[in-house]
Amino acid sequence: MVKLLLKGFLNHKTKNIIMRNFKIIIVLIAFSLGFKLGAQNTQLNSYSFGEGYNFNNENGSSVKLQGYIQPSVEIRSYSNGTTDSEVRYRMRRVRLRLSGNSANERFSYRFQVDLAGANEVDTEDNNYLLDAFISYAITNRIKVSFGQRATFTDNRELFMNSNSLQLVERSRLTSAFASIREFGLFLEGRFRTGNSSQIKPYFVLTTGDGANIFTSDKGGLKIGGRIDYLPFGLFNNFGQFRQADMVRERTPKLVIGTFYSHNNGMSSRRGRESGSIMYLDENDNEALPDYSKYGIDFLFKYKGFSALGEYIKSTASVPQDITQRVRNNGSTTTEFLVDEVQDVENYVRGKMMLGEAYNYQMGYLFKNGISVDARYTHLIADTYSFLNNATFYNRPNYYTIGVSKYLSRNYGAKIQASYTHADGDLGINDIQRNAISGNENFLRIMLTLSF
């Protein structure tokens, strides 16, 4: 009975009624709050390079303005010796963030855009609006947020600010499984469990369709949560949300967490884009697969050393009433061929990100501002999964080494370089979809300038 009630609550009609009209409202409220605070005798209170400008208002409210740019270059090559290397120059990120608190500090908000239009992971998706949410502190230890933001049901690396990453790009685990940002309701708490230890629970109820879904959503809602445990207390200077140990923690700091989410009726590969992959039943009604994801991760820091470990697993449930699929041009077909055989269930699975992955990375930041880092990422695709796609994935092992030079005693300015070797033994394609032999290699260089 509980399962039936939950499934009814998460259906797409309920979701559209609840969510559809609030998305633009959140953006307008965030803008209006920022404008109001800026118009009423707001004065600059402090400025810290890399941490932004802090403004205070005579009524006790506050505003913070932050931003950074990240120009980068990437050189991609193949070990077969015959495929030409490719060089890519781009502005990786151009972020602006406005955040603030009300006078009584119960209400807060964040509005963040990326003028480069790039997604958080290395894709071609154009998402200018990143964050637009309002929060309310129910108590000193419980806070609820509503709007669009990074979800708590992704792996830990998605908790990290982009200008504080140890390496030039996030891991392949993140790009394969993370939904990144979502629109909905987010609940977070913080409770002491001992002299210094703390536990942080999170609850999420979202559209399950990724960021910037301003049209009618497909499928049902996504529900999930996370529990983090910090046995040695909180990190200094928001270190739980930054990778390199810039503050050089004087005592060991550790956070370990586990997460789970269930997307009821998903119309994309991993829950990032509503309506990109659609299936119908014999009556032309939506018949979409459910998608679940769970994992465990940790972050450790001590005296300049940092270590991050992540594991994630995804599963799917394909409905038995699928009879049609919608092509890219909007037409429908009843053809679901897998190895020249009609196979509806495995065809659907083959379009989704199904499997598991491990990511381990560590690094050391010397007192002179030089950081040396390394990462190993391992992907295990299900038999039927888009992870077997030879153009974008089908590379089970990624080995990365990197070096960074921090030009200040914070995250304000740094130069980073990394080299990644991707295992191509399973058979891969280049970006023009031509089959090649050998492995794939990436050399990336990026400059970060913050204000």
Protein backbone atom coordinates (compact mmCIF):
# COMPACT_ATOMS: atom_id res chain seq x y z
CA MET A 1 0.00 0.00 0.00
CA VAL A 2 2.81 2.43 0.89
CA LYS A 3 4.52 1.70 -2.42
CA LEU A 4 1.31 2.39 -4.37
CA LEU A 5 0.75 5.68 -2.52
CA LEU A 6 4.34 6.76 -3.17
CA LYS A 7 4.12 5.89 -6.85
CA GLY A 8 0.88 7.83 -7.16
CA PHE A 9 2.40 10.85 -5.46
CA LEU A 10 5.43 10.75 -7.76
CA ASN A 11 3.46 10.63 -11.01
CA HIS A 12 4.13 13.22 -13.70
CA LYS A 13 0.76 15.01 -13.38
CA THR A 14 1.33 15.74 -9.70
CA LYS A 15 4.86 16.88 -10.42
CA ASN A 16 3.80 19.31 -13.15
CA ILE A 17 1.14 20.90 -10.93
CA ILE A 18 3.57 21.39 -8.04
CA MET A 19 6.69 22.42 -9.92
CA ARG A 20 5.82 23.99 -13.27
CA ASN A 21 4.91 27.54 -12.17
CA PHE A 22 7.52 27.98 -9.43
CA LYS A 23 10.72 27.82 -11.46
CA ILE A 24 10.57 31.32 -12.90
CA ILE A 25 9.27 32.66 -9.57
CA ILE A 26 12.41 31.46 -7.77
CA VAL A 27 14.64 33.35 -10.23
CA LEU A 28 12.58 36.54 -9.85
CA ILE A 29 12.62 36.35 -6.05
CA ALA A 30 16.39 35.87 -5.99
CA PHE A 31 16.84 38.90 -8.25
CA SER A 32 14.45 41.05 -6.25
CA LEU A 33 16.09 40.16 -2.93
CA GLY A 34 19.51 41.05 -4.27
CA PHE A 35 18.22 44.34 -5.75
CA LYS A 36 16.43 45.30 -2.55
CA LEU A 37 19.49 44.69 -0.42
CA GLY A 38 21.67 46.61 -2.85
CA ALA A 39 19.39 49.66 -2.85
CA GLN A 40 19.07 50.35 0.87
CA ASN A 41 22.33 51.95 2.07
CA THR A 42 24.37 48.83 1.51
CA GLN A 43 28.06 49.29 2.27
CA LEU A 44 31.14 47.20 1.55
CA ASN A 45 32.07 45.41 4.76
CA SER A 46 35.07 43.37 3.65
CA TYR A 47 36.88 41.93 0.66
CA SER A 48 39.13 38.88 0.51
CA PHE A 49 40.86 37.88 -2.72
CA GLY A 50 39.30 34.64 -3.90
CA GLU A 51 36.45 34.84 -1.38
CA GLY A 52 34.54 37.78 -2.83
CA TYR A 53 32.95 41.03 -1.64
CA ASN A 54 30.84 41.15 1.51
CA PHE A 55 28.23 43.91 1.85
CA ASN A 56 26.17 44.78 4.91
CA ASN A 57 22.92 46.70 5.03
CA GLU A 58 21.84 49.07 7.80
CA ASN A 59 18.90 46.78 8.53
CA GLY A 60 21.27 43.88 9.33
CA SER A 61 20.97 41.93 6.08
CA SER A 62 24.06 40.94 4.08
CA VAL A 63 25.05 40.26 0.49
CA LYS A 64 28.06 38.41 -0.92
CA LEU A 65 29.31 38.72 -4.50
CA GLN A 66 31.78 36.17 -5.88
CA GLY A 67 33.04 35.07 -9.25
CA TYR A 68 35.85 33.51 -11.25
CA ILE A 69 36.97 32.71 -14.78
CA GLN A 70 38.76 29.59 -16.03
CA PRO A 71 40.31 29.71 -19.52
CA SER A 72 41.69 26.31 -20.56
CA VAL A 73 43.29 24.30 -23.34
CA GLU A 74 42.95 20.54 -23.97
CA ILE A 75 45.08 18.37 -26.23
CA ARG A 76 43.64 14.96 -27.08
CA SER A 77 45.82 12.28 -28.67
CA TYR A 78 45.76 8.53 -29.37
CA SER A 79 48.51 5.96 -28.90
CA ASN A 80 47.96 4.28 -32.28
CA GLY A 81 50.24 6.85 -33.92
CA THR A 82 47.96 7.39 -36.94
CA THR A 83 45.01 9.41 -35.57
CA ASP A 84 45.66 13.15 -35.49
CA SER A 85 45.74 14.97 -32.18
CA GLU A 86 43.07 17.58 -31.49
CA VAL A 87 43.49 20.87 -29.65
CA ARG A 88 40.61 22.66 -28.00
CA TYR A 89 40.71 26.19 -26.53
CA ARG A 90 37.78 27.48 -24.55
CA MET A 91 36.56 29.51 -21.59
CA ARG A 92 35.73 26.61 -19.29
CA ARG A 93 33.79 28.63 -16.71
CA VAL A 94 32.76 32.25 -16.14
CA ARG A 95 30.88 32.13 -12.85
CA LEU A 96 29.06 34.91 -11.00
CA ARG A 97 27.36 34.21 -7.68
CA LEU A 98 25.14 36.45 -5.59
CA SER A 99 24.11 35.21 -2.14
CA GLY A 100 22.78 36.80 0.98
CA ASN A 101 20.94 36.60 4.29
CA SER A 102 18.02 38.45 5.78
CA ALA A 103 18.41 40.57 8.90
CA ASN A 104 17.40 37.76 11.23
CA GLU A 105 19.49 35.28 9.16
CA ARG A 106 16.55 32.89 8.87
CA PHE A 107 16.14 33.51 5.16
CA SER A 108 18.99 33.20 2.70
CA TYR A 109 19.31 32.86 -1.05
CA ARG A 110 21.75 32.12 -3.85
CA PHE A 111 21.74 33.05 -7.51
CA GLN A 112 24.58 31.79 -9.72
CA VAL A 113 25.14 31.89 -13.48
CA ASP A 114 27.85 30.64 -15.80
CA LEU A 115 28.31 33.06 -18.71
CA ALA A 116 30.40 30.48 -20.55
CA GLY A 117 27.22 28.39 -20.88
CA ALA A 118 29.07 25.15 -20.13
CA ASN A 119 27.85 22.28 -18.01
CA GLU A 120 29.63 21.30 -14.81
CA VAL A 121 31.08 18.22 -16.45
CA ASP A 122 32.76 18.24 -19.85
CA THR A 123 29.71 18.24 -22.16
CA GLU A 124 28.26 20.57 -24.78
CA ASP A 125 25.09 21.34 -22.83
CA ASN A 126 24.43 25.10 -22.52
CA ASN A 127 23.23 25.83 -18.99
CA TYR A 128 23.65 29.48 -18.08
CA LEU A 129 21.50 29.34 -14.95
CA LEU A 130 23.18 27.22 -12.27
CA ASP A 131 21.69 28.08 -8.87
CA ALA A 132 18.48 29.90 -8.01
CA PHE A 133 17.09 28.94 -4.62
CA ILE A 134 15.83 30.34 -1.34
CA SER A 135 16.54 28.78 2.05
CA TYR A 136 14.88 29.06 5.43
CA ALA A 137 16.50 28.01 8.71
CA ILE A 138 13.74 26.19 10.56
CA THR A 139 16.06 25.88 13.57
CA ASN A 140 19.75 26.51 14.09
CA ARG A 141 20.41 22.95 12.88
CA ILE A 142 17.73 22.34 10.23
CA LYS A 143 17.44 24.24 6.94
CA VAL A 144 15.08 23.82 3.99
CA SER A 145 15.75 25.12 0.45
CA PHE A 146 13.50 25.42 -2.57
CA GLY A 147 14.65 26.04 -6.14
CA GLN A 148 17.47 24.84 -8.37
CA ARG A 149 20.79 23.77 -6.89
CA ALA A 150 23.33 20.95 -6.73
CA THR A 151 21.63 17.83 -5.43
CA PHE A 152 22.77 15.98 -2.32
CA THR A 153 22.22 12.59 -3.97
CA ASP A 154 25.25 12.81 -6.27
CA ASN A 155 28.79 11.67 -5.44
CA ARG A 156 30.90 13.82 -3.10
CA GLU A 157 32.96 15.50 -5.83
CA LEU A 158 29.81 17.41 -6.84
CA PHE A 159 29.87 19.02 -3.38
CA MET A 160 33.18 20.69 -4.27
CA ASN A 161 33.37 24.22 -5.65
CA SER A 162 34.71 24.23 -9.20
CA ASN A 163 37.49 26.73 -8.44
CA SER A 164 38.84 24.51 -5.64
CA LEU A 165 39.30 21.27 -7.59
CA GLN A 166 42.65 19.50 -7.22
CA LEU A 167 42.76 18.57 -10.89
CA VAL A 168 41.69 20.42 -14.03
CA GLU A 169 38.49 18.41 -14.56
CA ARG A 170 36.21 16.28 -12.43
CA SER A 171 36.45 12.50 -12.59
CA ARG A 172 34.81 10.31 -15.21
CA LEU A 173 32.63 8.84 -12.45
CA THR A 174 31.04 12.26 -12.08
CA SER A 175 30.43 12.78 -15.79
CA ALA A 176 28.96 9.28 -16.16
CA PHE A 177 26.51 9.21 -13.25
CA ALA A 178 25.91 12.66 -11.75
CA SER A 179 22.71 14.58 -12.43
CA ILE A 180 24.52 17.71 -11.10
CA ARG A 181 21.72 20.24 -10.51
CA GLU A 182 18.01 19.71 -10.00
CA PHE A 183 14.89 21.68 -9.15
CA GLY A 184 12.90 20.87 -6.05
CA LEU A 185 12.92 20.74 -2.26
CA PHE A 186 16.13 20.20 -0.27
CA LEU A 187 16.28 19.58 3.48
CA GLU A 188 19.55 19.49 5.42
CA GLY A 189 20.43 19.14 9.08
CA ARG A 190 23.44 19.14 11.40
CA PHE A 191 23.51 17.42 14.81
CA ARG A 192 26.21 16.72 17.39
CA THR A 193 26.77 13.07 18.26
CA GLY A 194 29.68 13.45 20.68
CA ASN A 195 32.30 15.90 21.92
CA SER A 196 33.17 17.01 18.38
CA SER A 197 31.59 14.48 16.03
CA GLN A 198 28.59 15.44 13.94
CA ILE A 199 26.06 13.81 11.66
CA LYS A 200 24.54 15.59 8.65
CA PRO A 201 21.33 14.16 7.14
CA TYR A 202 19.94 15.37 3.81
CA PHE A 203 16.60 14.81 2.08
CA VAL A 204 15.79 15.65 -1.56
CA LEU A 205 12.51 15.75 -3.53
CA THR A 206 13.03 17.05 -7.09
CA THR A 207 11.69 16.88 -10.63
CA GLY A 208 14.48 14.41 -11.45
CA ASP A 209 15.08 16.05 -14.83
CA GLY A 210 18.24 18.07 -14.24
CA ALA A 211 18.66 21.83 -14.52
CA ASN A 212 16.65 24.51 -16.34
CA ILE A 213 13.52 22.47 -17.06
CA PHE A 214 11.12 25.30 -17.87
CA THR A 215 8.79 23.20 -20.03
CA SER A 216 6.41 20.38 -19.11
CA ASP A 217 8.37 17.73 -17.24
CA LYS A 218 8.30 14.09 -18.25
CA GLY A 219 8.02 11.22 -15.80
CA GLY A 220 7.57 11.44 -12.05
CA LEU A 221 9.50 12.93 -9.18
CA LYS A 222 12.87 11.91 -7.79
CA ILE A 223 13.27 11.20 -4.07
CA GLY A 224 16.48 10.55 -2.20
CA GLY A 225 18.79 11.39 0.64
CA ARG A 226 22.26 11.33 2.10
CA ILE A 227 23.80 10.87 5.55
CA ASP A 228 27.27 12.26 6.31
CA TYR A 229 29.24 11.51 9.45
CA LEU A 230 32.13 13.72 10.65
CA PRO A 231 33.89 11.91 13.51
CA PHE A 232 36.44 14.69 14.14
CA GLY A 233 34.18 17.70 13.76
CA LEU A 234 33.69 20.26 11.00
CA PHE A 235 36.39 21.15 8.48
CA ASN A 236 37.88 24.65 8.65
CA ASN A 237 36.93 27.37 6.15
CA PHE A 238 34.29 25.18 4.43
CA GLY A 239 36.94 22.57 3.69
CA GLN A 240 34.29 19.87 3.35
CA PHE A 241 33.26 21.56 0.09
CA ARG A 242 36.77 22.22 -1.28
CA GLN A 243 39.22 19.61 -2.48
CA ALA A 244 42.77 20.81 -1.83
CA ASP A 245 43.70 21.31 1.84
CA MET A 246 44.47 25.01 1.54
CA VAL A 247 44.09 25.71 5.27
CA ARG A 248 46.37 22.75 6.16
CA GLU A 249 44.09 21.20 8.79
CA ARG A 250 45.98 20.98 12.11
CA THR A 251 44.03 17.92 13.21
CA PRO A 252 42.70 15.10 11.00
CA LYS A 253 39.34 15.85 9.40
CA LEU A 254 37.14 13.16 7.88
CA VAL A 255 33.66 12.97 6.42
CA ILE A 256 32.15 9.70 5.26
CA GLY A 257 28.71 9.44 3.70
CA THR A 258 26.22 7.28 1.92
CA PHE A 259 23.44 8.29 -0.47
CA TYR A 260 20.46 6.88 -2.36
CA SER A 261 17.95 8.20 -4.90
CA HIS A 262 15.03 6.82 -6.91
CA ASN A 263 13.83 8.54 -10.10
CA ASN A 264 10.26 7.50 -10.86
CA GLY A 265 9.96 7.53 -14.65
CA MET A 266 13.13 8.96 -16.20
CA SER A 267 13.28 10.32 -19.76
CA SER A 268 17.05 10.67 -20.21
CA ARG A 269 20.24 8.68 -19.69
CA ARG A 270 20.84 9.67 -16.05
CA GLY A 271 18.26 12.33 -15.17
CA ARG A 272 19.80 15.48 -16.70
CA GLU A 273 17.50 16.33 -19.60
CA SER A 274 13.72 15.93 -19.58
CA GLY A 275 12.17 14.28 -22.62
CA SER A 276 15.40 13.42 -24.46
CA ILE A 277 14.55 9.68 -24.49
CA MET A 278 10.83 8.83 -24.62
CA TYR A 279 8.90 5.55 -24.65
CA LEU A 280 5.15 4.97 -25.05
CA ASP A 281 2.65 2.18 -24.45
CA GLU A 282 0.10 0.93 -26.98
CA ASN A 283 -2.25 3.80 -26.04
CA ASP A 284 0.46 6.44 -26.68
CA ASN A 285 0.86 7.14 -22.96
CA GLU A 286 4.27 7.65 -21.38
CA ALA A 287 5.91 4.41 -20.25
CA LEU A 288 9.27 5.33 -18.74
CA PRO A 289 11.88 3.30 -16.80
CA ASP A 290 12.67 3.94 -13.14
CA TYR A 291 16.27 4.74 -12.25
CA SER A 292 17.94 4.20 -8.86
CA LYS A 293 21.40 5.23 -7.72
CA TYR A 294 23.33 4.67 -4.50
CA GLY A 295 26.87 4.87 -3.21
CA ILE A 296 29.35 5.68 -0.49
CA ASP A 297 32.19 8.22 -0.34
CA PHE A 298 34.66 9.97 1.96
CA LEU A 299 36.97 13.00 2.18
CA PHE A 300 40.05 13.20 4.44
CA LYS A 301 42.35 16.17 5.08
CA TYR A 302 45.38 16.70 7.30
CA LYS A 303 48.30 19.16 7.10
CA GLY A 304 48.10 19.71 3.34
CA PHE A 305 47.25 16.12 2.43
CA SER A 306 43.82 15.30 1.06
CA ALA A 307 42.18 12.07 -0.11
CA LEU A 308 38.82 11.48 -1.78
CA GLY A 309 37.17 8.11 -2.38
CA GLU A 310 33.87 7.38 -4.11
CA TYR A 311 31.77 4.38 -5.14
CA ILE A 312 28.50 4.55 -7.06
CA LYS A 313 26.06 2.02 -8.50
CA SER A 314 22.98 2.54 -10.69
CA THR A 315 20.08 0.21 -11.54
CA ALA A 316 16.91 0.44 -13.65
CA SER A 317 13.44 -1.05 -13.78
CA VAL A 318 11.93 -1.21 -17.28
CA PRO A 319 8.11 -1.30 -17.52
CA GLN A 320 6.60 -4.20 -19.42
CA ASP A 321 4.06 -2.08 -21.33
CA ILE A 322 6.54 -0.25 -23.58
CA THR A 323 5.56 -0.76 -27.22
CA GLN A 324 6.98 2.34 -28.95
CA ARG A 325 9.90 4.70 -28.80
CA VAL A 326 10.06 8.31 -29.96
CA ARG A 327 12.76 9.17 -32.51
CA ASN A 328 14.72 12.43 -32.46
CA ASN A 329 12.48 13.86 -35.19
CA GLY A 330 9.34 13.19 -33.13
CA SER A 331 8.10 10.16 -35.06
CA THR A 332 7.52 6.82 -33.35
CA THR A 333 8.61 3.27 -34.10
CA THR A 334 8.02 -0.17 -32.62
CA GLU A 335 11.53 -1.33 -33.51
CA PHE A 336 13.77 -2.19 -30.52
CA LEU A 337 16.64 -4.12 -32.08
CA VAL A 338 19.52 -5.42 -29.96
CA ASP A 339 22.04 -7.47 -31.96
CA GLU A 340 19.44 -7.68 -34.75
CA VAL A 341 16.84 -9.15 -32.34
CA GLN A 342 13.70 -7.40 -31.05
CA ASP A 343 14.44 -6.84 -27.34
CA VAL A 344 12.56 -3.98 -25.70
CA GLU A 345 13.98 -4.25 -22.17
CA ASN A 346 17.65 -4.43 -23.11
CA TYR A 347 17.26 -1.75 -25.78
CA VAL A 348 15.96 0.62 -23.09
CA ARG A 349 18.76 -0.36 -20.72
CA GLY A 350 21.31 0.25 -23.44
CA LYS A 351 20.31 3.92 -23.56
CA MET A 352 20.83 4.49 -19.82
CA MET A 353 23.93 4.94 -17.66
CA LEU A 354 23.88 1.58 -15.88
CA GLY A 355 26.75 0.06 -13.99
CA GLU A 356 29.11 1.04 -11.21
CA ALA A 357 32.27 3.05 -10.73
CA TYR A 358 35.10 3.75 -8.29
CA ASN A 359 37.10 6.95 -8.00
CA TYR A 360 40.14 7.48 -5.78
CA GLN A 361 42.29 10.58 -5.70
CA MET A 362 44.79 12.14 -3.36
CA GLY A 363 47.20 15.02 -3.31
CA TYR A 364 49.55 17.09 -1.22
CA LEU A 365 49.73 20.87 -1.14
CA PHE A 366 53.18 22.12 -0.17
CA LYS A 367 53.64 25.32 1.81
CA ASN A 368 55.05 27.02 -1.29
CA GLY A 369 51.69 26.65 -3.05
CA ILE A 370 52.60 23.72 -5.30
CA SER A 371 50.20 20.77 -5.26
CA VAL A 372 50.91 17.29 -6.63
CA ASP A 373 47.85 15.11 -7.23
CA ALA A 374 46.83 11.74 -8.67
CA ARG A 375 43.56 10.00 -9.51
CA TYR A 376 42.36 6.55 -10.57
CA THR A 377 38.82 6.02 -11.89
CA HIS A 378 37.36 2.62 -12.79
CA LEU A 379 34.05 2.14 -14.62
CA ILE A 380 32.18 -1.18 -14.80
CA ALA A 381 29.38 -1.11 -17.36
CA ASP A 382 26.36 -3.40 -17.24
CA THR A 383 26.01 -5.72 -20.23
CA TYR A 384 23.38 -3.36 -21.64
CA SER A 385 24.33 0.22 -20.83
CA PHE A 386 25.30 3.45 -22.57
CA LEU A 387 28.61 3.11 -20.71
CA ASN A 388 29.50 0.69 -23.52
CA ASN A 389 29.30 3.50 -26.09
CA ALA A 390 32.69 3.51 -27.82
CA THR A 391 32.69 7.23 -28.68
CA PHE A 392 32.07 8.67 -25.24
CA TYR A 393 32.77 5.83 -22.79
CA ASN A 394 33.86 2.17 -23.07
CA ARG A 395 37.09 3.12 -21.34
CA PRO A 396 37.17 1.19 -18.05
CA ASN A 397 40.28 2.80 -16.54
CA TYR A 398 41.38 6.42 -16.26
CA TYR A 399 44.76 7.36 -14.77
CA THR A 400 45.43 11.04 -14.03
CA ILE A 401 48.36 12.95 -12.57
CA GLY A 402 48.42 16.69 -12.04
CA VAL A 403 50.38 19.61 -10.69
CA SER A 404 49.02 22.98 -9.59
CA LYS A 405 50.60 26.25 -8.52
CA TYR A 406 48.47 28.35 -6.21
CA LEU A 407 49.42 32.01 -6.66
CA SER A 408 47.91 33.11 -3.36
CA ARG A 409 47.18 31.65 0.05
CA ASN A 410 43.63 30.82 -0.97
CA TYR A 411 41.72 29.71 -4.06
CA GLY A 412 41.95 33.15 -5.70
CA ALA A 413 44.44 32.32 -8.45
CA LYS A 414 46.12 29.14 -9.64
CA ILE A 415 47.58 27.44 -12.70
CA GLN A 416 46.89 23.74 -13.19
CA ALA A 417 48.06 21.03 -15.59
CA SER A 418 47.00 17.40 -15.75
CA TYR A 419 47.66 14.34 -17.89
CA THR A 420 45.06 11.57 -18.24
CA HIS A 421 45.54 8.15 -19.80
CA ALA A 422 42.29 6.37 -20.76
CA ASP A 423 42.30 2.61 -21.33
CA GLY A 424 41.01 1.81 -24.83
CA ASP A 425 41.39 -1.98 -24.77
CA LEU A 426 37.63 -2.57 -25.10
CA GLY A 427 37.51 -0.72 -28.40
CA ILE A 428 36.96 3.02 -28.73
CA ASN A 429 36.11 5.69 -31.30
CA ASP A 430 37.56 9.15 -31.79
CA ILE A 431 35.25 12.16 -31.52
CA GLN A 432 34.32 11.76 -35.22
CA ARG A 433 33.05 8.24 -34.34
CA ASN A 434 35.85 6.53 -36.26
CA ALA A 435 37.01 3.24 -34.71
CA ILE A 436 40.63 3.39 -33.57
CA SER A 437 43.09 1.07 -31.91
CA GLY A 438 45.09 2.05 -28.89
CA ASN A 439 44.48 4.29 -25.90
CA GLU A 440 43.33 7.88 -25.45
CA ASN A 441 45.36 10.61 -23.75
CA PHE A 442 44.49 14.10 -22.53
CA LEU A 443 46.76 17.00 -21.61
CA ARG A 444 44.84 19.84 -19.95
CA ILE A 445 46.01 23.25 -18.74
CA MET A 446 43.79 25.76 -16.95
CA LEU A 447 44.12 29.14 -15.26
CA THR A 448 41.74 30.16 -12.47
CA LEU A 449 41.26 33.82 -11.48
CA SER A 450 38.75 34.65 -8.76
CA PHE A 451 37.67 37.86 -7.13
